[in-house]
Amino acid sequence: MSGLRFVRMGFGTEAVEYQQAWDEQRRVHAARFADEVPDTVLLLEHPPVYTAGRRTADNERPLDGTPVIDVDRGGKITWHGPGQLVGYPIQKLPRPVDVVAHVRRLEEALIRTCAEFGLETTRVEGRSGVWVLGDPVEQRLGGLSLDLDPRMTDDEFDPRMNGPEYAPSNAGQRREDRKVAAIGIRVAKGVTMHGFSLNVNPDNKWFDRIIPCGIRDAGVASLADELGRDVTIAEVLPVAERHLREVLENADLRPRVVESASA
């Protein structure tokens, strides 16, 4: 099947409960595997919810026992909620599936989206998602070097218990790297599930109750905070759709190269 279909499930007062969206993902996934529907991207907002991927450690979850939904995607724990554009691309890929290439395509579409609003973002090696780069360590506030940062030297240091100084939502004030879009996917039967979340104008303090994506030495950002002006989901939605279409529809989908074992 050709073409890419976008389904706007619900935003604002019609935000979609996580379980409802997950059920819809699985329904569309089964239909895509059977070639009953084209590649589909579900777009929506969620009410506030924490979700944990398969690699989430116990010490990255909320300290106060806030409920967390464990899901079958890759990655670690994150938050979804108002002001965040969530997208679940359900796409059939050639086998053997190149998962990394799929992640890179999603990152590229989101990098282009941010650029259209005037925000320069990039990738960080070894860390999925879309990032706003911070200053070099020696130029950050206070000029502290990494060997003086307890997050880097103390395995038992927990930034959630040390006030706003180390809060993920304050990474911009510390001029550290900060993630504006997170990506976590699953591929089953050659068809993708889960996807991305782009922080448009959420209350990023929700991230301060967890270790977002298991990363202790960086934080989170949003389009609105970085640009210093109000940005809405309604503004971002058509732009994100356009770039997702450009990247996903025009991708040269090739199966992952499998090297044969030498004799």
Protein backbone atom coordinates (compact mmCIF):
# COMPACT_ATOMS: atom_id res chain seq x y z
CA MET A 1 0.00 0.00 0.00
CA SER A 2 1.27 3.44 -0.91
CA GLY A 3 0.76 6.77 0.79
CA LEU A 4 0.91 7.81 4.40
CA ARG A 5 -2.26 8.36 6.43
CA PHE A 6 -2.49 10.75 9.38
CA VAL A 7 -5.12 10.25 12.07
CA ARG A 8 -5.65 13.08 14.56
CA MET A 9 -7.03 11.22 17.57
CA GLY A 10 -7.58 14.04 20.04
CA PHE A 11 -6.06 17.17 21.59
CA GLY A 12 -6.76 19.56 24.43
CA THR A 13 -10.05 18.73 26.12
CA GLU A 14 -10.23 15.65 23.87
CA ALA A 15 -6.80 14.33 24.87
CA VAL A 16 -6.58 10.56 24.55
CA GLU A 17 -6.01 8.29 27.55
CA TYR A 18 -2.83 6.29 27.14
CA GLN A 19 -4.51 2.87 27.29
CA GLN A 20 -7.01 3.90 24.62
CA ALA A 21 -4.21 5.03 22.31
CA TRP A 22 -2.21 1.87 22.98
CA ASP A 23 -5.23 -0.28 22.10
CA GLU A 24 -5.68 1.71 18.88
CA GLN A 25 -2.02 1.28 18.04
CA ARG A 26 -2.35 -2.49 18.33
CA ARG A 27 -5.50 -2.50 16.20
CA VAL A 28 -3.90 -0.47 13.43
CA HIS A 29 -0.69 -2.49 13.74
CA ALA A 30 -2.59 -5.72 13.04
CA ALA A 31 -4.41 -4.12 10.12
CA ARG A 32 -1.16 -2.78 8.66
CA PHE A 33 0.51 -6.18 8.95
CA ALA A 34 -2.43 -7.66 7.02
CA ASP A 35 -2.17 -4.86 4.40
CA GLU A 36 -5.69 -3.72 5.22
CA VAL A 37 -4.59 -0.10 5.82
CA PRO A 38 -1.68 2.05 4.61
CA ASP A 39 1.17 3.26 6.78
CA THR A 40 -0.50 5.35 9.47
CA VAL A 41 0.63 8.01 11.93
CA LEU A 42 -1.59 8.52 14.98
CA LEU A 43 -1.24 12.06 16.38
CA LEU A 44 -2.58 13.16 19.75
CA GLU A 45 -2.10 14.61 23.21
CA HIS A 46 -2.29 12.51 26.37
CA PRO A 47 -3.52 13.48 29.82
CA PRO A 48 -0.55 13.39 32.25
CA VAL A 49 0.98 9.91 32.38
CA TYR A 50 4.34 8.28 33.00
CA THR A 51 5.32 5.35 30.78
CA ALA A 52 8.31 3.08 31.18
CA GLY A 53 10.07 1.20 28.41
CA ARG A 54 11.64 -2.20 28.89
CA ARG A 55 15.03 -0.88 30.04
CA THR A 56 13.71 1.34 32.85
CA ALA A 57 15.49 0.83 36.18
CA ASP A 58 13.62 0.94 39.47
CA ASN A 59 15.65 3.94 40.67
CA GLU A 60 14.49 6.02 37.67
CA ARG A 61 10.79 5.87 38.58
CA PRO A 62 8.91 8.47 40.67
CA LEU A 63 10.02 8.48 44.31
CA ASP A 64 6.49 9.13 45.58
CA GLY A 65 4.95 6.02 44.08
CA THR A 66 3.12 7.83 41.28
CA PRO A 67 1.67 5.16 38.97
CA VAL A 68 3.69 4.27 35.88
CA ILE A 69 2.43 2.32 32.85
CA ASP A 70 4.96 -0.28 31.73
CA VAL A 71 4.97 -0.62 27.95
CA ASP A 72 6.62 -2.83 25.34
CA ARG A 73 8.66 -0.15 23.57
CA GLY A 74 12.38 0.37 23.78
CA GLY A 75 13.96 3.07 25.88
CA LYS A 76 13.30 4.06 29.47
CA ILE A 77 10.83 6.14 31.47
CA THR A 78 9.27 9.35 30.20
CA TRP A 79 6.25 11.59 30.70
CA HIS A 80 3.41 12.45 28.33
CA GLY A 81 0.86 15.16 28.86
CA PRO A 82 -0.72 18.48 27.87
CA GLY A 83 1.39 20.64 25.59
CA GLN A 84 3.21 17.68 24.09
CA LEU A 85 2.60 16.42 20.56
CA VAL A 86 2.72 12.62 20.52
CA GLY A 87 3.02 10.63 17.31
CA TYR A 88 2.76 6.90 16.76
CA PRO A 89 3.93 5.99 13.22
CA ILE A 90 2.73 2.50 12.30
CA GLN A 91 4.77 1.65 9.25
CA LYS A 92 5.66 -1.58 7.49
CA LEU A 93 9.42 -1.89 6.92
CA PRO A 94 11.38 -4.34 4.79
CA ARG A 95 13.04 -7.22 6.60
CA PRO A 96 15.53 -7.56 8.17
CA VAL A 97 14.26 -4.35 9.77
CA ASP A 98 16.68 -1.46 10.17
CA VAL A 99 15.43 -0.02 13.47
CA VAL A 100 18.16 2.61 13.72
CA ALA A 101 17.31 3.98 10.28
CA HIS A 102 13.66 4.32 11.32
CA VAL A 103 14.65 6.26 14.45
CA ARG A 104 16.93 8.52 12.38
CA ARG A 105 14.04 9.31 10.02
CA LEU A 106 11.78 10.33 12.91
CA GLU A 107 14.55 12.49 14.32
CA GLU A 108 15.06 14.16 10.94
CA ALA A 109 11.37 15.04 10.59
CA LEU A 110 11.34 16.57 14.07
CA ILE A 111 14.61 18.47 13.52
CA ARG A 112 13.05 20.01 10.40
CA THR A 113 9.89 20.85 12.33
CA CYS A 114 11.83 22.66 15.05
CA ALA A 115 13.90 24.50 12.43
CA GLU A 116 10.77 25.86 10.77
CA PHE A 117 9.88 27.53 14.08
CA GLY A 118 13.38 28.96 14.41
CA LEU A 119 14.90 26.46 16.84
CA GLU A 120 18.16 24.77 15.90
CA THR A 121 18.28 21.19 17.16
CA THR A 122 20.47 18.20 16.52
CA ARG A 123 21.24 14.61 17.43
CA VAL A 124 23.55 13.55 20.26
CA GLU A 125 25.69 10.52 19.62
CA GLY A 126 24.58 7.55 21.68
CA ARG A 127 21.33 9.23 22.73
CA SER A 128 18.17 9.01 20.63
CA GLY A 129 15.82 11.94 20.23
CA VAL A 130 16.18 15.58 19.24
CA TRP A 131 18.36 17.87 21.33
CA VAL A 132 19.17 21.50 22.00
CA LEU A 133 22.89 21.58 22.66
CA GLY A 134 24.20 23.27 25.78
CA ASP A 135 27.37 25.25 26.19
CA PRO A 136 30.75 23.57 26.65
CA VAL A 137 31.19 22.59 30.28
CA GLU A 138 33.75 25.28 31.02
CA GLN A 139 31.38 28.01 29.77
CA ARG A 140 28.35 26.99 31.82
CA LEU A 141 27.10 28.87 34.86
CA GLY A 142 29.71 28.71 37.59
CA GLY A 143 32.30 27.16 35.29
CA LEU A 144 32.20 23.86 37.14
CA SER A 145 33.99 20.95 35.55
CA LEU A 146 32.35 17.57 35.22
CA ASP A 147 34.54 16.07 37.95
CA LEU A 148 32.81 18.41 40.42
CA ASP A 149 29.32 17.44 39.29
CA PRO A 150 27.92 14.89 41.79
CA ARG A 151 25.72 13.42 39.07
CA MET A 152 28.87 12.21 37.33
CA THR A 153 30.91 11.08 40.32
CA ASP A 154 28.43 9.73 42.90
CA ASP A 155 26.52 6.61 41.87
CA GLU A 156 24.04 7.15 44.71
CA PHE A 157 23.37 10.83 43.98
CA ASP A 158 19.73 11.40 43.08
CA PRO A 159 18.99 14.75 41.38
CA ARG A 160 15.31 14.47 42.33
CA MET A 161 16.20 14.86 46.00
CA ASN A 162 18.43 17.90 45.59
CA GLY A 163 16.05 20.69 44.73
CA PRO A 164 15.75 22.71 41.53
CA GLU A 165 19.52 23.00 41.06
CA TYR A 166 19.65 19.62 39.31
CA ALA A 167 16.06 19.40 38.06
CA PRO A 168 15.74 18.25 34.42
CA SER A 169 13.35 21.15 33.75
CA ASN A 170 16.11 23.64 34.63
CA ALA A 171 18.72 22.28 32.22
CA GLY A 172 18.35 25.35 30.03
CA GLN A 173 19.23 27.63 32.94
CA ARG A 174 22.29 25.46 33.57
CA ARG A 175 23.06 25.67 29.83
CA GLU A 176 23.23 21.90 29.56
CA ASP A 177 22.11 19.67 26.70
CA ARG A 178 18.35 19.25 26.81
CA LYS A 179 15.95 17.02 24.90
CA VAL A 180 13.03 18.60 23.08
CA ALA A 181 11.74 15.38 21.51
CA ALA A 182 11.98 11.81 22.76
CA ILE A 183 11.74 8.66 20.65
CA GLY A 184 10.95 5.11 21.73
CA ILE A 185 9.74 2.44 19.33
CA ARG A 186 8.95 -1.22 18.95
CA VAL A 187 8.97 -3.29 15.77
CA ALA A 188 6.82 -6.43 15.66
CA LYS A 189 6.30 -8.54 12.53
CA GLY A 190 8.14 -5.89 10.54
CA VAL A 191 5.68 -3.13 11.53
CA THR A 192 6.60 -0.22 13.81
CA MET A 193 4.74 0.92 16.93
CA HIS A 194 5.10 3.69 19.51
CA GLY A 195 7.10 6.66 18.27
CA PHE A 196 7.88 10.21 19.40
CA SER A 197 6.86 13.00 21.75
CA LEU A 198 7.67 16.62 20.91
CA ASN A 199 7.58 19.11 23.78
CA VAL A 200 5.69 22.09 22.39
CA ASN A 201 4.57 24.00 25.52
CA PRO A 202 4.19 21.50 28.40
CA ASP A 203 4.91 22.07 32.08
CA ASN A 204 8.33 20.41 32.08
CA LYS A 205 8.33 20.15 35.87
CA TRP A 206 6.51 16.84 35.38
CA PHE A 207 9.89 15.44 34.30
CA ASP A 208 11.47 16.41 37.63
CA ARG A 209 9.80 13.45 39.38
CA ILE A 210 11.66 10.89 37.26
CA ILE A 211 15.04 10.39 35.60
CA PRO A 212 13.87 11.17 32.05
CA CYS A 213 15.05 8.47 29.64
CA GLY A 214 17.48 7.40 32.38
CA ILE A 215 19.78 10.36 31.62
CA ARG A 216 21.10 12.15 34.70
CA ASP A 217 23.49 14.71 33.19
CA ALA A 218 21.06 16.49 30.85
CA GLY A 219 17.48 17.70 30.90
CA VAL A 220 14.40 18.58 28.90
CA ALA A 221 13.31 21.53 26.80
CA SER A 222 10.27 22.77 24.89
CA LEU A 223 9.75 24.82 21.78
CA ALA A 224 7.99 27.55 23.76
CA ASP A 225 10.71 27.87 26.41
CA GLU A 226 13.58 27.82 23.94
CA LEU A 227 11.97 30.35 21.61
CA GLY A 228 10.76 32.56 24.46
CA ARG A 229 7.24 32.82 23.09
CA ASP A 230 3.98 30.95 23.09
CA VAL A 231 3.80 28.04 20.65
CA THR A 232 0.71 25.86 20.42
CA ILE A 233 -0.01 22.31 19.36
CA ALA A 234 -2.36 23.71 16.71
CA GLU A 235 0.56 25.62 15.13
CA VAL A 236 2.97 22.71 15.24
CA LEU A 237 0.62 19.94 14.11
CA PRO A 238 0.43 20.73 10.36
CA VAL A 239 4.15 21.49 10.21
CA ALA A 240 5.05 18.18 11.87
CA GLU A 241 2.67 16.31 9.55
CA ARG A 242 4.28 17.87 6.49
CA HIS A 243 7.81 16.99 7.52
CA LEU A 244 6.84 13.49 8.61
CA ARG A 245 5.23 12.95 5.22
CA GLU A 246 8.28 14.30 3.37
CA VAL A 247 10.71 12.14 5.30
CA LEU A 248 8.72 8.91 5.64
CA GLU A 249 7.17 8.84 2.18
CA ASN A 250 10.40 9.70 0.38
CA ALA A 251 12.64 7.40 2.41
CA ASP A 252 14.64 4.81 0.52
CA LEU A 253 13.50 1.86 2.60
CA ARG A 254 16.04 -0.90 2.45
CA PRO A 255 16.38 -3.97 4.65
CA ARG A 256 19.20 -4.03 7.15
CA VAL A 257 22.32 -5.57 5.65
CA VAL A 258 23.08 -8.88 7.31
CA GLU A 259 26.67 -9.92 7.00
CA SER A 260 27.16 -13.63 6.50
CA ALA A 261 29.53 -15.38 8.86
CA SER A 262 32.90 -16.10 7.33
CA ALA A 263 33.80 -19.71 6.86
